Amino acid sequence: MFCAGRIPQEDLDRVMAACGGSILTTVSQIDASVLGKCEKFYEQQVGSERYNFFEGCARHHACTLLLRGGAEQFIAETERSLHDAIMIVRRAKKNDSIVAGGGAIEMELSRHLRAKAKTIAGKEQFFWNAYARSFEIIPQQLCYNAGIDAIDILNKLRHRHSIGEIWAGVDIHKEEVGDNLAACIWEPNVCTFAVVNLILPECHYRCDGSRLLDSVN
């Protein structure tokens, strides 16, 4: 038997979600129907705090991720990266449609826009090329974040897409361009739609190209 006090309601709800059982305000009517289950429970000191660990929970509807590091800024960066990863998985589960990630879709859109620009005479061609270039910022930034030569990767991406490899994108694990659909480097298509919806108004604002916006729409 373990006794603890001043437990936040949020923690009680999460324990119930993981182990089952019910939250009671009295001990007068305890029976098997209100009890939760876990394979192992123990208390352990982590740093300056003591934590209660529930392992082998019956329902697995809640869990705690324990981040440890040498400096606070490293832990904060890890937490942000972990949060981004969890949100991407959440979106993938809520939306059953995916596309290749690593800038593959953005580079394919850029290729089509550059092809469209070649068919347009006059200054309006500049707006189409600017719009095409804006999509290349996504794979370029991925290269910067991974410490990869962005110029070399972008040139390879342009070539691969020009010969019809529509799923070619940045593979940061290999530090090279690859078929990201086959490599299981995916992202929910809702993320791609969000990028397109953000880039178009920004280009319109910066270039003041009302004719371009009307043509794209």
C-alpha atoms as a PDB file:
ATOM      1  CA  MET A   1       0.000   0.000   0.000  1.00  0.00           C
ATOM      2  CA  PHE A   2       1.263   3.475  -0.898  1.00  0.00           C
ATOM      3  CA  CYS A   3      -0.023   6.736   0.541  1.00  0.00           C
ATOM      4  CA  ALA A   4       0.452  10.163  -1.070  1.00  0.00           C
ATOM      5  CA  GLY A   5      -1.153  13.546  -0.594  1.00  0.00           C
ATOM      6  CA  ARG A   6      -1.890  16.704  -2.584  1.00  0.00           C
ATOM      7  CA  ILE A   7      -1.946  14.874  -5.916  1.00  0.00           C
ATOM      8  CA  PRO A   8      -3.083  17.173  -8.775  1.00  0.00           C
ATOM      9  CA  GLN A   9      -6.348  16.166 -10.428  1.00  0.00           C
ATOM     10  CA  GLU A  10      -4.582  15.971 -13.797  1.00  0.00           C
ATOM     11  CA  ASP A  11      -2.178  13.321 -12.460  1.00  0.00           C
ATOM     12  CA  LEU A  12      -5.047  11.315 -10.974  1.00  0.00           C
ATOM     13  CA  ASP A  13      -6.865  11.368 -14.317  1.00  0.00           C
ATOM     14  CA  ARG A  14      -3.749  10.197 -16.169  1.00  0.00           C
ATOM     15  CA  VAL A  15      -3.140   7.334 -13.714  1.00  0.00           C
ATOM     16  CA  MET A  16      -6.759   6.252 -14.131  1.00  0.00           C
ATOM     17  CA  ALA A  17      -6.406   6.415 -17.939  1.00  0.00           C
ATOM     18  CA  ALA A  18      -3.279   4.236 -17.790  1.00  0.00           C
ATOM     19  CA  CYS A  19      -4.182   1.742 -15.065  1.00  0.00           C
ATOM     20  CA  GLY A  20      -7.971   1.735 -15.134  1.00  0.00           C
ATOM     21  CA  GLY A  21     -10.072   1.903 -11.993  1.00  0.00           C
ATOM     22  CA  SER A  22     -11.944   4.884 -10.595  1.00  0.00           C
ATOM     23  CA  ILE A  23     -11.184   7.953  -8.493  1.00  0.00           C
ATOM     24  CA  LEU A  24     -12.966   7.657  -5.133  1.00  0.00           C
ATOM     25  CA  THR A  25     -13.598  10.205  -2.392  1.00  0.00           C
ATOM     26  CA  THR A  26     -14.100   7.537   0.287  1.00  0.00           C
ATOM     27  CA  VAL A  27     -12.637   4.113   1.121  1.00  0.00           C
ATOM     28  CA  SER A  28     -15.887   2.672   2.447  1.00  0.00           C
ATOM     29  CA  GLN A  29     -16.962   1.006  -0.814  1.00  0.00           C
ATOM     30  CA  ILE A  30     -13.757  -0.364  -2.338  1.00  0.00           C
ATOM     31  CA  ASP A  31     -14.173  -3.516  -4.438  1.00  0.00           C
ATOM     32  CA  ALA A  32     -12.489  -5.091  -7.478  1.00  0.00           C
ATOM     33  CA  SER A  33     -14.524  -3.023  -9.948  1.00  0.00           C
ATOM     34  CA  VAL A  34     -12.894   0.272  -8.886  1.00  0.00           C
ATOM     35  CA  LEU A  35      -9.290  -0.958  -8.764  1.00  0.00           C
ATOM     36  CA  GLY A  36      -6.729  -0.328 -11.491  1.00  0.00           C
ATOM     37  CA  LYS A  37      -3.844  -2.611 -12.418  1.00  0.00           C
ATOM     38  CA  CYS A  38      -0.162  -2.307 -13.291  1.00  0.00           C
ATOM     39  CA  GLU A  39       2.658  -4.837 -13.255  1.00  0.00           C
ATOM     40  CA  LYS A  40       5.065  -2.750 -11.205  1.00  0.00           C
ATOM     41  CA  PHE A  41       4.936   0.384  -9.050  1.00  0.00           C
ATOM     42  CA  TYR A  42       7.917   2.045  -7.374  1.00  0.00           C
ATOM     43  CA  GLU A  43       9.233   5.412  -6.225  1.00  0.00           C
ATOM     44  CA  GLN A  44      12.611   6.652  -7.438  1.00  0.00           C
ATOM     45  CA  GLN A  45      14.779   9.713  -6.950  1.00  0.00           C
ATOM     46  CA  VAL A  46      15.535  11.571 -10.205  1.00  0.00           C
ATOM     47  CA  GLY A  47      17.729  14.608  -9.688  1.00  0.00           C
ATOM     48  CA  SER A  48      16.299  16.610  -6.806  1.00  0.00           C
ATOM     49  CA  GLU A  49      12.772  15.173  -7.144  1.00  0.00           C
ATOM     50  CA  ARG A  50      11.126  11.869  -6.272  1.00  0.00           C
ATOM     51  CA  TYR A  51       8.867  10.282  -8.892  1.00  0.00           C
ATOM     52  CA  ASN A  52       6.313   7.478  -8.791  1.00  0.00           C
ATOM     53  CA  PHE A  53       6.615   5.012 -11.678  1.00  0.00           C
ATOM     54  CA  PHE A  54       3.803   2.798 -12.982  1.00  0.00           C
ATOM     55  CA  GLU A  55       5.021   0.103 -15.371  1.00  0.00           C
ATOM     56  CA  GLY A  56       3.067  -2.478 -17.341  1.00  0.00           C
ATOM     57  CA  CYS A  57      -0.194  -0.544 -17.138  1.00  0.00           C
ATOM     58  CA  ALA A  58      -3.364  -2.317 -18.225  1.00  0.00           C
ATOM     59  CA  ARG A  59      -4.779   0.301 -20.606  1.00  0.00           C
ATOM     60  CA  HIS A  60      -1.787   2.247 -22.018  1.00  0.00           C
ATOM     61  CA  HIS A  61      -3.880   5.377 -22.630  1.00  0.00           C
ATOM     62  CA  ALA A  62      -1.355   7.666 -20.927  1.00  0.00           C
ATOM     63  CA  CYS A  63       2.391   7.763 -20.474  1.00  0.00           C
ATOM     64  CA  THR A  64       5.124  10.073 -19.226  1.00  0.00           C
ATOM     65  CA  LEU A  65       8.301  10.883 -21.146  1.00  0.00           C
ATOM     66  CA  LEU A  66      11.228  11.691 -18.864  1.00  0.00           C
ATOM     67  CA  LEU A  67      13.808  14.019 -20.449  1.00  0.00           C
ATOM     68  CA  ARG A  68      17.255  14.287 -18.893  1.00  0.00           C
ATOM     69  CA  GLY A  69      20.211  16.399 -19.923  1.00  0.00           C
ATOM     70  CA  GLY A  70      23.236  18.298 -18.767  1.00  0.00           C
ATOM     71  CA  ALA A  71      21.908  21.821 -19.264  1.00  0.00           C
ATOM     72  CA  GLU A  72      18.471  23.403 -19.185  1.00  0.00           C
ATOM     73  CA  GLN A  73      18.694  24.805 -22.725  1.00  0.00           C
ATOM     74  CA  PHE A  74      19.452  21.337 -24.133  1.00  0.00           C
ATOM     75  CA  ILE A  75      16.435  19.871 -22.347  1.00  0.00           C
ATOM     76  CA  ALA A  76      14.243  22.716 -23.642  1.00  0.00           C
ATOM     77  CA  GLU A  77      15.420  22.091 -27.212  1.00  0.00           C
ATOM     78  CA  THR A  78      14.780  18.355 -26.831  1.00  0.00           C
ATOM     79  CA  GLU A  79      11.308  19.070 -25.477  1.00  0.00           C
ATOM     80  CA  ARG A  80      10.469  21.288 -28.466  1.00  0.00           C
ATOM     81  CA  SER A  81      11.692  18.646 -30.918  1.00  0.00           C
ATOM     82  CA  LEU A  82       9.744  15.937 -29.120  1.00  0.00           C
ATOM     83  CA  HIS A  83       6.606  18.068 -29.124  1.00  0.00           C
ATOM     84  CA  ASP A  84       6.939  18.647 -32.882  1.00  0.00           C
ATOM     85  CA  ALA A  85       7.351  14.902 -33.464  1.00  0.00           C
ATOM     86  CA  ILE A  86       4.283  14.067 -31.363  1.00  0.00           C
ATOM     87  CA  MET A  87       2.162  16.659 -33.169  1.00  0.00           C
ATOM     88  CA  ILE A  88       3.193  15.268 -36.569  1.00  0.00           C
ATOM     89  CA  VAL A  89       2.234  11.743 -35.474  1.00  0.00           C
ATOM     90  CA  ARG A  90      -1.066  13.096 -34.132  1.00  0.00           C
ATOM     91  CA  ARG A  91      -1.832  14.781 -37.451  1.00  0.00           C
ATOM     92  CA  ALA A  92      -0.875  11.641 -39.346  1.00  0.00           C
ATOM     93  CA  LYS A  93      -3.331   9.595 -37.280  1.00  0.00           C
ATOM     94  CA  LYS A  94      -6.129  12.140 -37.736  1.00  0.00           C
ATOM     95  CA  ASN A  95      -5.558  12.483 -41.507  1.00  0.00           C
ATOM     96  CA  ASP A  96      -5.349   9.304 -43.573  1.00  0.00           C
ATOM     97  CA  SER A  97      -3.572  10.974 -46.501  1.00  0.00           C
ATOM     98  CA  ILE A  98       0.218  11.399 -46.690  1.00  0.00           C
ATOM     99  CA  VAL A  99       2.831  12.653 -49.133  1.00  0.00           C
ATOM    100  CA  ALA A 100       6.597  12.348 -49.294  1.00  0.00           C
ATOM    101  CA  GLY A 101       8.369  14.711 -46.919  1.00  0.00           C
ATOM    102  CA  GLY A 102      11.803  16.272 -47.003  1.00  0.00           C
ATOM    103  CA  GLY A 103      10.724  19.012 -49.399  1.00  0.00           C
ATOM    104  CA  ALA A 104       9.710  16.594 -52.182  1.00  0.00           C
ATOM    105  CA  ILE A 105       6.283  18.127 -52.773  1.00  0.00           C
ATOM    106  CA  GLU A 106       7.630  21.672 -52.517  1.00  0.00           C
ATOM    107  CA  MET A 107      10.294  20.970 -55.148  1.00  0.00           C
ATOM    108  CA  GLU A 108       7.711  19.424 -57.486  1.00  0.00           C
ATOM    109  CA  LEU A 109       5.461  22.466 -57.087  1.00  0.00           C
ATOM    110  CA  SER A 110       8.453  24.697 -57.773  1.00  0.00           C
ATOM    111  CA  ARG A 111       9.206  22.752 -60.970  1.00  0.00           C
ATOM    112  CA  HIS A 112       5.667  23.203 -62.273  1.00  0.00           C
ATOM    113  CA  LEU A 113       5.694  26.914 -61.438  1.00  0.00           C
ATOM    114  CA  ARG A 114       9.022  27.437 -63.241  1.00  0.00           C
ATOM    115  CA  ALA A 115       7.613  25.628 -66.274  1.00  0.00           C
ATOM    116  CA  LYS A 116       4.580  27.915 -66.171  1.00  0.00           C
ATOM    117  CA  ALA A 117       6.846  30.975 -65.895  1.00  0.00           C
ATOM    118  CA  LYS A 118       8.578  30.061 -69.164  1.00  0.00           C
ATOM    119  CA  THR A 119       5.269  30.381 -70.999  1.00  0.00           C
ATOM    120  CA  ILE A 120       4.683  33.943 -69.765  1.00  0.00           C
ATOM    121  CA  ALA A 121       6.223  37.025 -71.350  1.00  0.00           C
ATOM    122  CA  GLY A 122       6.958  40.278 -69.612  1.00  0.00           C
ATOM    123  CA  LYS A 123       7.420  41.227 -65.974  1.00  0.00           C
ATOM    124  CA  GLU A 124       4.774  38.809 -64.749  1.00  0.00           C
ATOM    125  CA  GLN A 125       7.283  36.008 -65.315  1.00  0.00           C
ATOM    126  CA  PHE A 126       9.294  37.436 -62.418  1.00  0.00           C
ATOM    127  CA  PHE A 127       6.389  36.879 -60.021  1.00  0.00           C
ATOM    128  CA  TRP A 128       5.964  33.260 -61.078  1.00  0.00           C
ATOM    129  CA  ASN A 129       9.692  32.584 -60.622  1.00  0.00           C
ATOM    130  CA  ALA A 130       9.610  34.259 -57.209  1.00  0.00           C
ATOM    131  CA  TYR A 131       6.675  32.074 -56.224  1.00  0.00           C
ATOM    132  CA  ALA A 132       8.551  28.973 -57.434  1.00  0.00           C
ATOM    133  CA  ARG A 133      11.667  29.991 -55.499  1.00  0.00           C
ATOM    134  CA  SER A 134       9.678  30.431 -52.289  1.00  0.00           C
ATOM    135  CA  PHE A 135       8.863  26.706 -52.216  1.00  0.00           C
ATOM    136  CA  GLU A 136      12.557  25.826 -52.407  1.00  0.00           C
ATOM    137  CA  ILE A 137      13.114  27.523 -49.050  1.00  0.00           C
ATOM    138  CA  ILE A 138      11.606  24.458 -47.317  1.00  0.00           C
ATOM    139  CA  PRO A 139      14.240  21.893 -48.445  1.00  0.00           C
ATOM    140  CA  GLN A 140      16.909  24.579 -48.174  1.00  0.00           C
ATOM    141  CA  GLN A 141      16.088  25.148 -44.506  1.00  0.00           C
ATOM    142  CA  LEU A 142      16.050  21.392 -43.881  1.00  0.00           C
ATOM    143  CA  CYS A 143      19.615  21.264 -45.216  1.00  0.00           C
ATOM    144  CA  TYR A 144      20.692  24.137 -42.981  1.00  0.00           C
ATOM    145  CA  ASN A 145      19.154  22.477 -39.925  1.00  0.00           C
ATOM    146  CA  ALA A 146      20.917  19.179 -40.674  1.00  0.00           C
ATOM    147  CA  GLY A 147      24.265  20.777 -41.540  1.00  0.00           C
ATOM    148  CA  ILE A 148      24.134  19.639 -45.179  1.00  0.00           C
ATOM    149  CA  ASP A 149      25.384  21.567 -48.232  1.00  0.00           C
ATOM    150  CA  ALA A 150      22.127  23.246 -49.288  1.00  0.00           C
ATOM    151  CA  ILE A 151      23.376  24.434 -52.701  1.00  0.00           C
ATOM    152  CA  ASP A 152      24.480  20.947 -53.736  1.00  0.00           C
ATOM    153  CA  ILE A 153      21.268  19.319 -52.498  1.00  0.00           C
ATOM    154  CA  LEU A 154      18.999  21.874 -54.210  1.00  0.00           C
ATOM    155  CA  ASN A 155      20.795  21.399 -57.526  1.00  0.00           C
ATOM    156  CA  LYS A 156      20.366  17.632 -57.238  1.00  0.00           C
ATOM    157  CA  LEU A 157      16.710  18.036 -56.315  1.00  0.00           C
ATOM    158  CA  ARG A 158      16.048  20.236 -59.350  1.00  0.00           C
ATOM    159  CA  HIS A 159      17.703  17.657 -61.604  1.00  0.00           C
ATOM    160  CA  ARG A 160      15.855  14.684 -60.094  1.00  0.00           C
ATOM    161  CA  HIS A 161      12.494  16.416 -60.412  1.00  0.00           C
ATOM    162  CA  SER A 162      13.253  17.509 -63.968  1.00  0.00           C
ATOM    163  CA  ILE A 163      13.563  13.841 -64.996  1.00  0.00           C
ATOM    164  CA  GLY A 164      10.257  12.898 -63.379  1.00  0.00           C
ATOM    165  CA  GLU A 165      11.249  11.744 -59.867  1.00  0.00           C
ATOM    166  CA  ILE A 166       8.395  13.499 -58.094  1.00  0.00           C
ATOM    167  CA  TRP A 167       9.118  11.979 -54.645  1.00  0.00           C
ATOM    168  CA  ALA A 168      12.792  13.019 -54.544  1.00  0.00           C
ATOM    169  CA  GLY A 169      13.508  14.915 -51.338  1.00  0.00           C
ATOM    170  CA  VAL A 170      16.099  15.585 -48.651  1.00  0.00           C
ATOM    171  CA  ASP A 171      17.103  12.476 -46.683  1.00  0.00           C
ATOM    172  CA  ILE A 172      18.945  13.888 -43.670  1.00  0.00           C
ATOM    173  CA  HIS A 173      19.862  10.393 -42.426  1.00  0.00           C
ATOM    174  CA  LYS A 174      21.920   9.717 -45.557  1.00  0.00           C
ATOM    175  CA  GLU A 175      22.731  13.424 -46.109  1.00  0.00           C
ATOM    176  CA  GLU A 176      21.661  12.942 -49.702  1.00  0.00           C
ATOM    177  CA  VAL A 177      18.700  13.148 -52.074  1.00  0.00           C
ATOM    178  CA  GLY A 178      16.499  10.053 -52.154  1.00  0.00           C
ATOM    179  CA  ASP A 179      13.043   8.667 -52.903  1.00  0.00           C
ATOM    180  CA  ASN A 180      11.378   9.776 -49.687  1.00  0.00           C
ATOM    181  CA  LEU A 181       8.125   7.935 -50.348  1.00  0.00           C
ATOM    182  CA  ALA A 182       9.986   4.617 -50.534  1.00  0.00           C
ATOM    183  CA  ALA A 183      12.198   5.615 -47.586  1.00  0.00           C
ATOM    184  CA  CYS A 184       9.088   6.184 -45.405  1.00  0.00           C
ATOM    185  CA  ILE A 185       9.907   9.878 -44.948  1.00  0.00           C
ATOM    186  CA  TRP A 186       6.326  11.120 -44.973  1.00  0.00           C
ATOM    187  CA  GLU A 187       4.230  14.015 -43.794  1.00  0.00           C
ATOM    188  CA  PRO A 188       0.448  14.507 -43.617  1.00  0.00           C
ATOM    189  CA  ASN A 189      -0.895  16.254 -46.703  1.00  0.00           C
ATOM    190  CA  VAL A 190      -2.623  18.776 -44.437  1.00  0.00           C
ATOM    191  CA  CYS A 191       0.849  20.150 -43.634  1.00  0.00           C
ATOM    192  CA  THR A 192       1.559  20.629 -47.345  1.00  0.00           C
ATOM    193  CA  PHE A 193      -1.754  22.437 -47.830  1.00  0.00           C
ATOM    194  CA  ALA A 194      -0.855  24.726 -44.925  1.00  0.00           C
ATOM    195  CA  VAL A 195       2.508  25.574 -46.523  1.00  0.00           C
ATOM    196  CA  VAL A 196       0.869  26.423 -49.857  1.00  0.00           C
ATOM    197  CA  ASN A 197      -1.767  28.573 -48.169  1.00  0.00           C
ATOM    198  CA  LEU A 198       0.940  30.476 -46.280  1.00  0.00           C
ATOM    199  CA  ILE A 199       3.341  30.998 -49.178  1.00  0.00           C
ATOM    200  CA  LEU A 200       0.858  32.350 -51.730  1.00  0.00           C
ATOM    201  CA  PRO A 201      -0.429  35.306 -49.643  1.00  0.00           C
ATOM    202  CA  GLU A 202       3.142  36.120 -48.591  1.00  0.00           C
ATOM    203  CA  CYS A 203       4.327  36.252 -52.209  1.00  0.00           C
ATOM    204  CA  HIS A 204       1.316  38.338 -53.141  1.00  0.00           C
ATOM    205  CA  TYR A 205       2.049  40.754 -50.309  1.00  0.00           C
ATOM    206  CA  ARG A 206       5.744  41.116 -51.118  1.00  0.00           C
ATOM    207  CA  CYS A 207       5.369  41.342 -54.890  1.00  0.00           C
ATOM    208  CA  ASP A 208       1.982  43.079 -55.003  1.00  0.00           C
ATOM    209  CA  GLY A 209       1.158  40.760 -57.872  1.00  0.00           C
ATOM    210  CA  SER A 210      -2.625  40.844 -57.933  1.00  0.00           C
ATOM    211  CA  ARG A 211      -2.656  39.458 -61.473  1.00  0.00           C
ATOM    212  CA  LEU A 212      -0.512  36.521 -60.343  1.00  0.00           C
ATOM    213  CA  LEU A 213      -2.870  35.735 -57.469  1.00  0.00           C
ATOM    214  CA  ASP A 214      -5.881  35.861 -59.762  1.00  0.00           C
ATOM    215  CA  SER A 215      -4.151  33.578 -62.269  1.00  0.00           C
ATOM    216  CA  VAL A 216      -3.232  30.982 -59.619  1.00  0.00           C
ATOM    217  CA  ASN A 217      -6.726  31.022 -58.147  1.00  0.00           C
END
